[in-house]
Amino acid sequence: MKDLPEDMHEEILEHNSNALVLSGHANAIIGLASQYGRPPLVLYDPVKVIDNLVLEGMSHDEAVEFFEYNIACAYMGANTPMMLIRLETLGVSNDSDVEEGNT
C-alpha cells in the first residue's frame, strides 16, 4: 500500500489489515465494500483503472483486455479487491425516484 495517501492507507488498515490493493491505482479506489460476516474489501472503479492503463501507454482496447484478463479475473485470496459494475454499463437504467413509504 505504498502508493496510497497516508489517510487512505490508515482507513483501509483500520477496517481490514489484510486488504489487498492494486499498485498504481489509488485514484481508482471509490470505497470499501462489505458483506455480512466478512471484512470489508477495497472497491475500485474499473473505468478509472482502465484510464490509468491508457495513461501508462496502452491503447484503450489493450487496456480493456489487460484489465479484464489480468485484474478483473485475478483471484488473490479472500482479500482480493472488488470492482464496481455500474448498471448503466450493462444498459440498465436506474433513474426512477424512490417513492415515500416504499423503502
PDB file of N, CA and C in Angstrom:
ATOM      1  N   MET A   1       0.829  -1.194   0.000  1.00  0.00           N
ATOM      2  CA  MET A   1       0.000   0.000   0.000  1.00  0.00           C
ATOM      3  C   MET A   1       0.867   1.249   0.000  1.00  0.00           C
ATOM      4  N   LYS A   2       2.039   1.131  -0.583  1.00  0.00           N
ATOM      5  CA  LYS A   2       2.996   2.224  -0.566  1.00  0.00           C
ATOM      6  C   LYS A   2       2.554   3.450  -1.352  1.00  0.00           C
ATOM      7  N   ASP A   3       1.764   3.257  -2.423  1.00  0.00           N
ATOM      8  CA  ASP A   3       1.384   4.405  -3.244  1.00  0.00           C
ATOM      9  C   ASP A   3       0.080   5.070  -2.800  1.00  0.00           C
ATOM     10  N   LEU A   4      -0.484   4.622  -1.697  1.00  0.00           N
ATOM     11  CA  LEU A   4      -1.719   5.217  -1.186  1.00  0.00           C
ATOM     12  C   LEU A   4      -1.420   6.437  -0.325  1.00  0.00           C
ATOM     13  N   PRO A   5      -2.287   7.445  -0.369  1.00  0.00           N
ATOM     14  CA  PRO A   5      -2.157   8.545   0.591  1.00  0.00           C
ATOM     15  C   PRO A   5      -2.254   7.979   2.013  1.00  0.00           C
ATOM     16  N   GLU A   6      -1.540   8.561   2.929  1.00  0.00           N
ATOM     17  CA  GLU A   6      -1.450   8.040   4.297  1.00  0.00           C
ATOM     18  C   GLU A   6      -2.815   7.880   4.960  1.00  0.00           C
ATOM     19  N   ASP A   7      -3.697   8.873   4.795  1.00  0.00           N
ATOM     20  CA  ASP A   7      -5.010   8.766   5.438  1.00  0.00           C
ATOM     21  C   ASP A   7      -5.837   7.630   4.849  1.00  0.00           C
ATOM     22  N   MET A   8      -5.745   7.408   3.541  1.00  0.00           N
ATOM     23  CA  MET A   8      -6.464   6.309   2.905  1.00  0.00           C
ATOM     24  C   MET A   8      -5.885   4.968   3.372  1.00  0.00           C
ATOM     25  N   HIS A   9      -4.583   4.891   3.426  1.00  0.00           N
ATOM     26  CA  HIS A   9      -3.903   3.678   3.881  1.00  0.00           C
ATOM     27  C   HIS A   9      -4.350   3.314   5.302  1.00  0.00           C
ATOM     28  N   GLU A  10      -4.350   4.283   6.189  1.00  0.00           N
ATOM     29  CA  GLU A  10      -4.750   4.044   7.577  1.00  0.00           C
ATOM     30  C   GLU A  10      -6.214   3.611   7.679  1.00  0.00           C
ATOM     31  N   GLU A  11      -7.086   4.237   6.904  1.00  0.00           N
ATOM     32  CA  GLU A  11      -8.507   3.901   6.946  1.00  0.00           C
ATOM     33  C   GLU A  11      -8.738   2.465   6.474  1.00  0.00           C
ATOM     34  N   ILE A  12      -8.079   2.080   5.394  1.00  0.00           N
ATOM     35  CA  ILE A  12      -8.225   0.710   4.891  1.00  0.00           C
ATOM     36  C   ILE A  12      -7.711  -0.279   5.927  1.00  0.00           C
ATOM     37  N   LEU A  13      -6.546  -0.009   6.488  1.00  0.00           N
ATOM     38  CA  LEU A  13      -5.974  -0.906   7.501  1.00  0.00           C
ATOM     39  C   LEU A  13      -6.871  -1.026   8.727  1.00  0.00           C
ATOM     40  N   GLU A  14      -7.531   0.065   9.095  1.00  0.00           N
ATOM     41  CA  GLU A  14      -8.418   0.039  10.260  1.00  0.00           C
ATOM     42  C   GLU A  14      -9.584  -0.927  10.041  1.00  0.00           C
ATOM     43  N   HIS A  15     -10.065  -1.000   8.821  1.00  0.00           N
ATOM     44  CA  HIS A  15     -11.210  -1.855   8.512  1.00  0.00           C
ATOM     45  C   HIS A  15     -10.819  -3.279   8.142  1.00  0.00           C
ATOM     46  N   ASN A  16      -9.667  -3.442   7.493  1.00  0.00           N
ATOM     47  CA  ASN A  16      -9.189  -4.768   7.106  1.00  0.00           C
ATOM     48  C   ASN A  16      -7.686  -4.696   6.891  1.00  0.00           C
ATOM     49  N   SER A  17      -6.935  -5.139   7.879  1.00  0.00           N
ATOM     50  CA  SER A  17      -5.472  -5.045   7.806  1.00  0.00           C
ATOM     51  C   SER A  17      -4.880  -5.961   6.737  1.00  0.00           C
ATOM     52  N   ASN A  18      -5.678  -6.875   6.201  1.00  0.00           N
ATOM     53  CA  ASN A  18      -5.199  -7.779   5.150  1.00  0.00           C
ATOM     54  C   ASN A  18      -5.726  -7.422   3.761  1.00  0.00           C
ATOM     55  N   ALA A  19      -6.424  -6.307   3.644  1.00  0.00           N
ATOM     56  CA  ALA A  19      -6.992  -5.908   2.357  1.00  0.00           C
ATOM     57  C   ALA A  19      -5.881  -5.716   1.329  1.00  0.00           C
ATOM     58  N   LEU A  20      -6.127  -6.190   0.133  1.00  0.00           N
ATOM     59  CA  LEU A  20      -5.175  -6.028  -0.955  1.00  0.00           C
ATOM     60  C   LEU A  20      -5.565  -4.837  -1.812  1.00  0.00           C
ATOM     61  N   VAL A  21      -4.560  -4.169  -2.369  1.00  0.00           N
ATOM     62  CA  VAL A  21      -4.802  -3.026  -3.245  1.00  0.00           C
ATOM     63  C   VAL A  21      -4.053  -3.234  -4.554  1.00  0.00           C
ATOM     64  N   LEU A  22      -4.505  -2.530  -5.587  1.00  0.00           N
ATOM     65  CA  LEU A  22      -3.847  -2.564  -6.888  1.00  0.00           C
ATOM     66  C   LEU A  22      -2.780  -1.481  -6.926  1.00  0.00           C
ATOM     67  N   SER A  23      -1.570  -1.867  -7.168  1.00  0.00           N
ATOM     68  CA  SER A  23      -0.471  -0.911  -7.227  1.00  0.00           C
ATOM     69  C   SER A  23      -0.682   0.075  -8.381  1.00  0.00           C
ATOM     70  N   GLY A  24      -0.534   1.350  -8.076  1.00  0.00           N
ATOM     71  CA  GLY A  24      -0.639   2.381  -9.095  1.00  0.00           C
ATOM     72  C   GLY A  24      -2.049   2.822  -9.428  1.00  0.00           C
ATOM     73  N   HIS A  25      -3.030   2.389  -8.661  1.00  0.00           N
ATOM     74  CA  HIS A  25      -4.414   2.738  -8.972  1.00  0.00           C
ATOM     75  C   HIS A  25      -5.157   3.324  -7.776  1.00  0.00           C
ATOM     76  N   ALA A  26      -4.456   4.022  -6.914  1.00  0.00           N
ATOM     77  CA  ALA A  26      -5.087   4.611  -5.730  1.00  0.00           C
ATOM     78  C   ALA A  26      -6.206   5.564  -6.111  1.00  0.00           C
ATOM     79  N   ASN A  27      -6.041   6.275  -7.238  1.00  0.00           N
ATOM     80  CA  ASN A  27      -7.074   7.231  -7.658  1.00  0.00           C
ATOM     81  C   ASN A  27      -8.355   6.546  -8.121  1.00  0.00           C
ATOM     82  N   ALA A  28      -8.322   5.227  -8.316  1.00  0.00           N
ATOM     83  CA  ALA A  28      -9.499   4.486  -8.759  1.00  0.00           C
ATOM     84  C   ALA A  28     -10.275   3.873  -7.594  1.00  0.00           C
ATOM     85  N   ILE A  29      -9.762   4.021  -6.373  1.00  0.00           N
ATOM     86  CA  ILE A  29     -10.471   3.500  -5.204  1.00  0.00           C
ATOM     87  C   ILE A  29     -11.673   4.389  -4.928  1.00  0.00           C
ATOM     88  N   ILE A  30     -12.848   3.749  -4.827  1.00  0.00           N
ATOM     89  CA  ILE A  30     -14.061   4.533  -4.556  1.00  0.00           C
ATOM     90  C   ILE A  30     -14.642   4.224  -3.193  1.00  0.00           C
ATOM     91  N   GLY A  31     -14.048   3.282  -2.483  1.00  0.00           N
ATOM     92  CA  GLY A  31     -14.525   2.979  -1.143  1.00  0.00           C
ATOM     93  C   GLY A  31     -14.197   1.566  -0.731  1.00  0.00           C
ATOM     94  N   LEU A  32     -14.915   1.131   0.285  1.00  0.00           N
ATOM     95  CA  LEU A  32     -14.796  -0.233   0.777  1.00  0.00           C
ATOM     96  C   LEU A  32     -16.155  -0.899   0.605  1.00  0.00           C
ATOM     97  N   ALA A  33     -16.146  -2.174   0.290  1.00  0.00           N
ATOM     98  CA  ALA A  33     -17.390  -2.924   0.128  1.00  0.00           C
ATOM     99  C   ALA A  33     -17.440  -3.995   1.200  1.00  0.00           C
ATOM    100  N   SER A  34     -18.587  -4.155   1.808  1.00  0.00           N
ATOM    101  CA  SER A  34     -18.696  -5.147   2.867  1.00  0.00           C
ATOM    102  C   SER A  34     -19.859  -6.082   2.615  1.00  0.00           C
ATOM    103  N   GLN A  35     -19.729  -7.241   3.165  1.00  0.00           N
ATOM    104  CA  GLN A  35     -20.776  -8.247   3.120  1.00  0.00           C
ATOM    105  C   GLN A  35     -20.822  -8.863   4.507  1.00  0.00           C
ATOM    106  N   TYR A  36     -21.992  -9.171   4.974  1.00  0.00           N
ATOM    107  CA  TYR A  36     -22.152  -9.686   6.322  1.00  0.00           C
ATOM    108  C   TYR A  36     -21.187 -10.840   6.590  1.00  0.00           C
ATOM    109  N   GLY A  37     -20.488 -10.737   7.703  1.00  0.00           N
ATOM    110  CA  GLY A  37     -19.606 -11.805   8.152  1.00  0.00           C
ATOM    111  C   GLY A  37     -18.226 -11.803   7.526  1.00  0.00           C
ATOM    112  N   ARG A  38     -17.944 -10.836   6.655  1.00  0.00           N
ATOM    113  CA  ARG A  38     -16.635 -10.766   6.017  1.00  0.00           C
ATOM    114  C   ARG A  38     -16.041  -9.385   6.231  1.00  0.00           C
ATOM    115  N   PRO A  39     -14.722  -9.288   6.272  1.00  0.00           N
ATOM    116  CA  PRO A  39     -14.105  -7.962   6.406  1.00  0.00           C
ATOM    117  C   PRO A  39     -14.283  -7.164   5.109  1.00  0.00           C
ATOM    118  N   PRO A  40     -14.356  -5.848   5.212  1.00  0.00           N
ATOM    119  CA  PRO A  40     -14.504  -5.011   4.019  1.00  0.00           C
ATOM    120  C   PRO A  40     -13.336  -5.185   3.052  1.00  0.00           C
ATOM    121  N   LEU A  41     -13.640  -5.043   1.773  1.00  0.00           N
ATOM    122  CA  LEU A  41     -12.636  -5.125   0.717  1.00  0.00           C
ATOM    123  C   LEU A  41     -12.566  -3.792  -0.005  1.00  0.00           C
ATOM    124  N   VAL A  42     -11.404  -3.497  -0.588  1.00  0.00           N
ATOM    125  CA  VAL A  42     -11.229  -2.265  -1.336  1.00  0.00           C
ATOM    126  C   VAL A  42     -12.056  -2.365  -2.621  1.00  0.00           C
ATOM    127  N   LEU A  43     -12.799  -1.299  -2.926  1.00  0.00           N
ATOM    128  CA  LEU A  43     -13.683  -1.250  -4.087  1.00  0.00           C
ATOM    129  C   LEU A  43     -13.131  -0.246  -5.100  1.00  0.00           C
ATOM    130  N   TYR A  44     -12.997  -0.716  -6.346  1.00  0.00           N
ATOM    131  CA  TYR A  44     -12.435   0.108  -7.420  1.00  0.00           C
ATOM    132  C   TYR A  44     -13.463   0.438  -8.485  1.00  0.00           C
ATOM    133  N   ASP A  45     -13.231   1.562  -9.161  1.00  0.00           N
ATOM    134  CA  ASP A  45     -13.979   1.937 -10.347  1.00  0.00           C
ATOM    135  C   ASP A  45     -13.175   1.447 -11.549  1.00  0.00           C
ATOM    136  N   PRO A  46     -13.655   0.414 -12.245  1.00  0.00           N
ATOM    137  CA  PRO A  46     -12.895  -0.142 -13.361  1.00  0.00           C
ATOM    138  C   PRO A  46     -12.612   0.863 -14.473  1.00  0.00           C
ATOM    139  N   VAL A  47     -13.508   1.829 -14.681  1.00  0.00           N
ATOM    140  CA  VAL A  47     -13.285   2.840 -15.717  1.00  0.00           C
ATOM    141  C   VAL A  47     -12.010   3.619 -15.406  1.00  0.00           C
ATOM    142  N   LYS A  48     -11.817   3.972 -14.139  1.00  0.00           N
ATOM    143  CA  LYS A  48     -10.615   4.713 -13.747  1.00  0.00           C
ATOM    144  C   LYS A  48      -9.372   3.838 -13.856  1.00  0.00           C
ATOM    145  N   VAL A  49      -9.497   2.551 -13.533  1.00  0.00           N
ATOM    146  CA  VAL A  49      -8.349   1.641 -13.670  1.00  0.00           C
ATOM    147  C   VAL A  49      -7.947   1.568 -15.145  1.00  0.00           C
ATOM    148  N   ILE A  50      -8.909   1.424 -16.026  1.00  0.00           N
ATOM    149  CA  ILE A  50      -8.624   1.369 -17.463  1.00  0.00           C
ATOM    150  C   ILE A  50      -8.022   2.682 -17.937  1.00  0.00           C
ATOM    151  N   ASP A  51      -8.554   3.806 -17.472  1.00  0.00           N
ATOM    152  CA  ASP A  51      -7.972   5.116 -17.814  1.00  0.00           C
ATOM    153  C   ASP A  51      -6.509   5.192 -17.386  1.00  0.00           C
ATOM    154  N   ASN A  52      -6.199   4.671 -16.196  1.00  0.00           N
ATOM    155  CA  ASN A  52      -4.814   4.670 -15.730  1.00  0.00           C
ATOM    156  C   ASN A  52      -3.917   3.860 -16.661  1.00  0.00           C
ATOM    157  N   LEU A  53      -4.407   2.726 -17.118  1.00  0.00           N
ATOM    158  CA  LEU A  53      -3.635   1.882 -18.026  1.00  0.00           C
ATOM    159  C   LEU A  53      -3.389   2.595 -19.352  1.00  0.00           C
ATOM    160  N   VAL A  54      -4.377   3.343 -19.827  1.00  0.00           N
ATOM    161  CA  VAL A  54      -4.207   4.131 -21.052  1.00  0.00           C
ATOM    162  C   VAL A  54      -3.141   5.199 -20.831  1.00  0.00           C
ATOM    163  N   LEU A  55      -3.180   5.852 -19.673  1.00  0.00           N
ATOM    164  CA  LEU A  55      -2.174   6.875 -19.359  1.00  0.00           C
ATOM    165  C   LEU A  55      -0.763   6.288 -19.276  1.00  0.00           C
ATOM    166  N   GLU A  56      -0.682   4.988 -18.971  1.00  0.00           N
ATOM    167  CA  GLU A  56       0.618   4.319 -18.925  1.00  0.00           C
ATOM    168  C   GLU A  56       1.119   3.931 -20.312  1.00  0.00           C
ATOM    169  N   GLY A  57       0.301   4.166 -21.353  1.00  0.00           N
ATOM    170  CA  GLY A  57       0.753   3.930 -22.708  1.00  0.00           C
ATOM    171  C   GLY A  57       0.004   2.874 -23.500  1.00  0.00           C
ATOM    172  N   MET A  58      -0.983   2.224 -22.914  1.00  0.00           N
ATOM    173  CA  MET A  58      -1.761   1.236 -23.654  1.00  0.00           C
ATOM    174  C   MET A  58      -2.837   1.933 -24.472  1.00  0.00           C
ATOM    175  N   SER A  59      -3.235   1.301 -25.589  1.00  0.00           N
ATOM    176  CA  SER A  59      -4.416   1.793 -26.299  1.00  0.00           C
ATOM    177  C   SER A  59      -5.624   1.434 -25.434  1.00  0.00           C
ATOM    178  N   HIS A  60      -6.773   2.025 -25.734  1.00  0.00           N
ATOM    179  CA  HIS A  60      -7.962   1.726 -24.934  1.00  0.00           C
ATOM    180  C   HIS A  60      -8.306   0.239 -25.030  1.00  0.00           C
ATOM    181  N   ASP A  61      -8.244  -0.322 -26.235  1.00  0.00           N
ATOM    182  CA  ASP A  61      -8.557  -1.746 -26.399  1.00  0.00           C
ATOM    183  C   ASP A  61      -7.569  -2.629 -25.633  1.00  0.00           C
ATOM    184  N   GLU A  62      -6.288  -2.278 -25.679  1.00  0.00           N
ATOM    185  CA  GLU A  62      -5.285  -3.042 -24.928  1.00  0.00           C
ATOM    186  C   GLU A  62      -5.548  -2.945 -23.430  1.00  0.00           C
ATOM    187  N   ALA A  63      -5.908  -1.754 -22.970  1.00  0.00           N
ATOM    188  CA  ALA A  63      -6.169  -1.547 -21.547  1.00  0.00           C
ATOM    189  C   ALA A  63      -7.371  -2.357 -21.082  1.00  0.00           C
ATOM    190  N   VAL A  64      -8.432  -2.380 -21.889  1.00  0.00           N
ATOM    191  CA  VAL A  64      -9.619  -3.155 -21.534  1.00  0.00           C
ATOM    192  C   VAL A  64      -9.266  -4.633 -21.468  1.00  0.00           C
ATOM    193  N   GLU A  65      -8.554  -5.125 -22.469  1.00  0.00           N
ATOM    194  CA  GLU A  65      -8.174  -6.538 -22.484  1.00  0.00           C
ATOM    195  C   GLU A  65      -7.274  -6.879 -21.299  1.00  0.00           C
ATOM    196  N   PHE A  66      -6.298  -6.021 -21.018  1.00  0.00           N
ATOM    197  CA  PHE A  66      -5.401  -6.248 -19.883  1.00  0.00           C
ATOM    198  C   PHE A  66      -6.188  -6.253 -18.587  1.00  0.00           C
ATOM    199  N   PHE A  67      -7.071  -5.267 -18.425  1.00  0.00           N
ATOM    200  CA  PHE A  67      -7.886  -5.187 -17.219  1.00  0.00           C
ATOM    201  C   PHE A  67      -8.725  -6.443 -17.030  1.00  0.00           C
ATOM    202  N   GLU A  68      -9.445  -6.833 -18.078  1.00  0.00           N
ATOM    203  CA  GLU A  68     -10.343  -7.985 -17.966  1.00  0.00           C
ATOM    204  C   GLU A  68      -9.588  -9.272 -17.652  1.00  0.00           C
ATOM    205  N   TYR A  69      -8.456  -9.478 -18.274  1.00  0.00           N
ATOM    206  CA  TYR A  69      -7.728 -10.736 -18.105  1.00  0.00           C
ATOM    207  C   TYR A  69      -6.847 -10.755 -16.857  1.00  0.00           C
ATOM    208  N   ASN A  70      -6.158  -9.647 -16.577  1.00  0.00           N
ATOM    209  CA  ASN A  70      -5.153  -9.631 -15.508  1.00  0.00           C
ATOM    210  C   ASN A  70      -5.604  -9.021 -14.191  1.00  0.00           C
ATOM    211  N   ILE A  71      -6.661  -8.244 -14.207  1.00  0.00           N
ATOM    212  CA  ILE A  71      -7.101  -7.574 -12.977  1.00  0.00           C
ATOM    213  C   ILE A  71      -8.472  -8.071 -12.548  1.00  0.00           C
ATOM    214  N   ALA A  72      -9.465  -7.917 -13.404  1.00  0.00           N
ATOM    215  CA  ALA A  72     -10.835  -8.286 -13.036  1.00  0.00           C
ATOM    216  C   ALA A  72     -10.973  -9.783 -12.774  1.00  0.00           C
ATOM    217  N   CYS A  73     -10.208 -10.593 -13.459  1.00  0.00           N
ATOM    218  CA  CYS A  73     -10.313 -12.054 -13.298  1.00  0.00           C
ATOM    219  C   CYS A  73      -9.267 -12.631 -12.346  1.00  0.00           C
ATOM    220  N   ALA A  74      -8.479 -11.776 -11.746  1.00  0.00           N
ATOM    221  CA  ALA A  74      -7.428 -12.260 -10.835  1.00  0.00           C
ATOM    222  C   ALA A  74      -8.013 -12.502  -9.448  1.00  0.00           C
ATOM    223  N   TYR A  75      -7.821 -13.702  -8.942  1.00  0.00           N
ATOM    224  CA  TYR A  75      -8.232 -14.001  -7.567  1.00  0.00           C
ATOM    225  C   TYR A  75      -6.966 -14.163  -6.744  1.00  0.00           C
ATOM    226  N   MET A  76      -6.836 -13.336  -5.707  1.00  0.00           N
ATOM    227  CA  MET A  76      -5.640 -13.332  -4.869  1.00  0.00           C
ATOM    228  C   MET A  76      -5.977 -13.728  -3.436  1.00  0.00           C
ATOM    229  N   GLY A  77      -7.064 -14.447  -3.276  1.00  0.00           N
ATOM    230  CA  GLY A  77      -7.471 -14.867  -1.947  1.00  0.00           C
ATOM    231  C   GLY A  77      -8.657 -14.072  -1.447  1.00  0.00           C
ATOM    232  N   ALA A  78      -8.982 -14.296  -0.187  1.00  0.00           N
ATOM    233  CA  ALA A  78     -10.183 -13.716   0.416  1.00  0.00           C
ATOM    234  C   ALA A  78     -10.176 -12.192   0.468  1.00  0.00           C
ATOM    235  N   ASN A  79      -9.018 -11.569   0.325  1.00  0.00           N
ATOM    236  CA  ASN A  79      -8.927 -10.113   0.421  1.00  0.00           C
ATOM    237  C   ASN A  79      -8.731  -9.443  -0.929  1.00  0.00           C
ATOM    238  N   THR A  80      -9.050 -10.165  -2.002  1.00  0.00           N
ATOM    239  CA  THR A  80      -8.953  -9.625  -3.355  1.00  0.00           C
ATOM    240  C   THR A  80      -9.848  -8.405  -3.490  1.00  0.00           C
ATOM    241  N   PRO A  81      -9.342  -7.315  -4.074  1.00  0.00           N
ATOM    242  CA  PRO A  81     -10.179  -6.130  -4.279  1.00  0.00           C
ATOM    243  C   PRO A  81     -11.400  -6.445  -5.138  1.00  0.00           C
ATOM    244  N   MET A  82     -12.416  -5.597  -4.998  1.00  0.00           N
ATOM    245  CA  MET A  82     -13.655  -5.745  -5.765  1.00  0.00           C
ATOM    246  C   MET A  82     -13.733  -4.642  -6.811  1.00  0.00           C
ATOM    247  N   MET A  83     -14.445  -4.932  -7.902  1.00  0.00           N
ATOM    248  CA  MET A  83     -14.679  -3.962  -8.969  1.00  0.00           C
ATOM    249  C   MET A  83     -16.168  -3.640  -9.013  1.00  0.00           C
ATOM    250  N   LEU A  84     -16.495  -2.376  -9.087  1.00  0.00           N
ATOM    251  CA  LEU A  84     -17.885  -1.946  -9.178  1.00  0.00           C
ATOM    252  C   LEU A  84     -18.377  -2.130 -10.606  1.00  0.00           C
ATOM    253  N   ILE A  85     -19.484  -2.794 -10.764  1.00  0.00           N
ATOM    254  CA  ILE A  85     -20.114  -2.918 -12.077  1.00  0.00           C
ATOM    255  C   ILE A  85     -21.311  -1.985 -12.068  1.00  0.00           C
ATOM    256  N   ARG A  86     -21.212  -0.922 -12.829  1.00  0.00           N
ATOM    257  CA  ARG A  86     -22.293   0.063 -12.887  1.00  0.00           C
ATOM    258  C   ARG A  86     -23.404  -0.443 -13.797  1.00  0.00           C
ATOM    259  N   LEU A  87     -24.641  -0.322 -13.348  1.00  0.00           N
ATOM    260  CA  LEU A  87     -25.780  -0.788 -14.127  1.00  0.00           C
ATOM    261  C   LEU A  87     -25.839  -0.144 -15.513  1.00  0.00           C
ATOM    262  N   GLU A  88     -25.478   1.145 -15.601  1.00  0.00           N
ATOM    263  CA  GLU A  88     -25.559   1.813 -16.901  1.00  0.00           C
ATOM    264  C   GLU A  88     -24.596   1.211 -17.916  1.00  0.00           C
ATOM    265  N   THR A  89     -23.487   0.622 -17.466  1.00  0.00           N
ATOM    266  CA  THR A  89     -22.584  -0.026 -18.417  1.00  0.00           C
ATOM    267  C   THR A  89     -23.173  -1.328 -18.942  1.00  0.00           C
ATOM    268  N   LEU A  90     -24.186  -1.839 -18.260  1.00  0.00           N
ATOM    269  CA  LEU A  90     -24.872  -3.050 -18.702  1.00  0.00           C
ATOM    270  C   LEU A  90     -26.131  -2.718 -19.498  1.00  0.00           C
ATOM    271  N   GLY A  91     -26.364  -1.411 -19.685  1.00  0.00           N
ATOM    272  CA  GLY A  91     -27.544  -0.989 -20.429  1.00  0.00           C
ATOM    273  C   GLY A  91     -28.803  -0.942 -19.592  1.00  0.00           C
ATOM    274  N   VAL A  92     -28.656  -0.920 -18.267  1.00  0.00           N
ATOM    275  CA  VAL A  92     -29.797  -0.882 -17.362  1.00  0.00           C
ATOM    276  C   VAL A  92     -29.884   0.504 -16.743  1.00  0.00           C
ATOM    277  N   SER A  93     -31.073   1.066 -16.746  1.00  0.00           N
ATOM    278  CA  SER A  93     -31.281   2.387 -16.168  1.00  0.00           C
ATOM    279  C   SER A  93     -31.858   2.247 -14.775  1.00  0.00           C
ATOM    280  N   ASN A  94     -31.392   3.074 -13.882  1.00  0.00           N
ATOM    281  CA  ASN A  94     -31.912   3.102 -12.519  1.00  0.00           C
ATOM    282  C   ASN A  94     -32.157   4.552 -12.119  1.00  0.00           C
ATOM    283  N   ASP A  95     -32.903   5.250 -12.956  1.00  0.00           N
ATOM    284  CA  ASP A  95     -33.136   6.662 -12.692  1.00  0.00           C
ATOM    285  C   ASP A  95     -34.528   6.957 -12.145  1.00  0.00           C
ATOM    286  N   SER A  96     -35.200   5.929 -11.646  1.00  0.00           N
ATOM    287  CA  SER A  96     -36.507   6.168 -11.037  1.00  0.00           C
ATOM    288  C   SER A  96     -36.320   6.688  -9.618  1.00  0.00           C
ATOM    289  N   ASP A  97     -37.233   7.539  -9.219  1.00  0.00           N
ATOM    290  CA  ASP A  97     -37.175   8.102  -7.880  1.00  0.00           C
ATOM    291  C   ASP A  97     -37.768   7.111  -6.879  1.00  0.00           C
ATOM    292  N   VAL A  98     -37.253   7.149  -5.683  1.00  0.00           N
ATOM    293  CA  VAL A  98     -37.811   6.330  -4.607  1.00  0.00           C
ATOM    294  C   VAL A  98     -39.024   7.065  -4.071  1.00  0.00           C
ATOM    295  N   GLU A  99     -40.140   6.362  -4.023  1.00  0.00           N
ATOM    296  CA  GLU A  99     -41.360   6.982  -3.514  1.00  0.00           C
ATOM    297  C   GLU A  99     -41.412   6.834  -2.007  1.00  0.00           C
ATOM    298  N   GLU A 100     -41.939   7.835  -1.356  1.00  0.00           N
ATOM    299  CA  GLU A 100     -42.066   7.807   0.086  1.00  0.00           C
ATOM    300  C   GLU A 100     -42.922   6.617   0.516  1.00  0.00           C
ATOM    301  N   GLY A 101     -42.455   5.888   1.501  1.00  0.00           N
ATOM    302  CA  GLY A 101     -43.188   4.735   2.005  1.00  0.00           C
ATOM    303  C   GLY A 101     -42.803   3.436   1.315  1.00  0.00           C
ATOM    304  N   ASN A 102     -41.962   3.491   0.306  1.00  0.00           N
ATOM    305  CA  ASN A 102     -41.527   2.280  -0.413  1.00  0.00           C
ATOM    306  C   ASN A 102     -40.110   1.891  -0.071  1.00  0.00           C
ATOM    307  N   THR A 103     -39.627   2.303   1.066  1.00  0.00           N
ATOM    308  CA  THR A 103     -38.252   1.974   1.431  1.00  0.00           C
ATOM    309  C   THR A 103     -38.196   0.824   2.378  1.00  0.00           C
TER     310      THR A 103
END
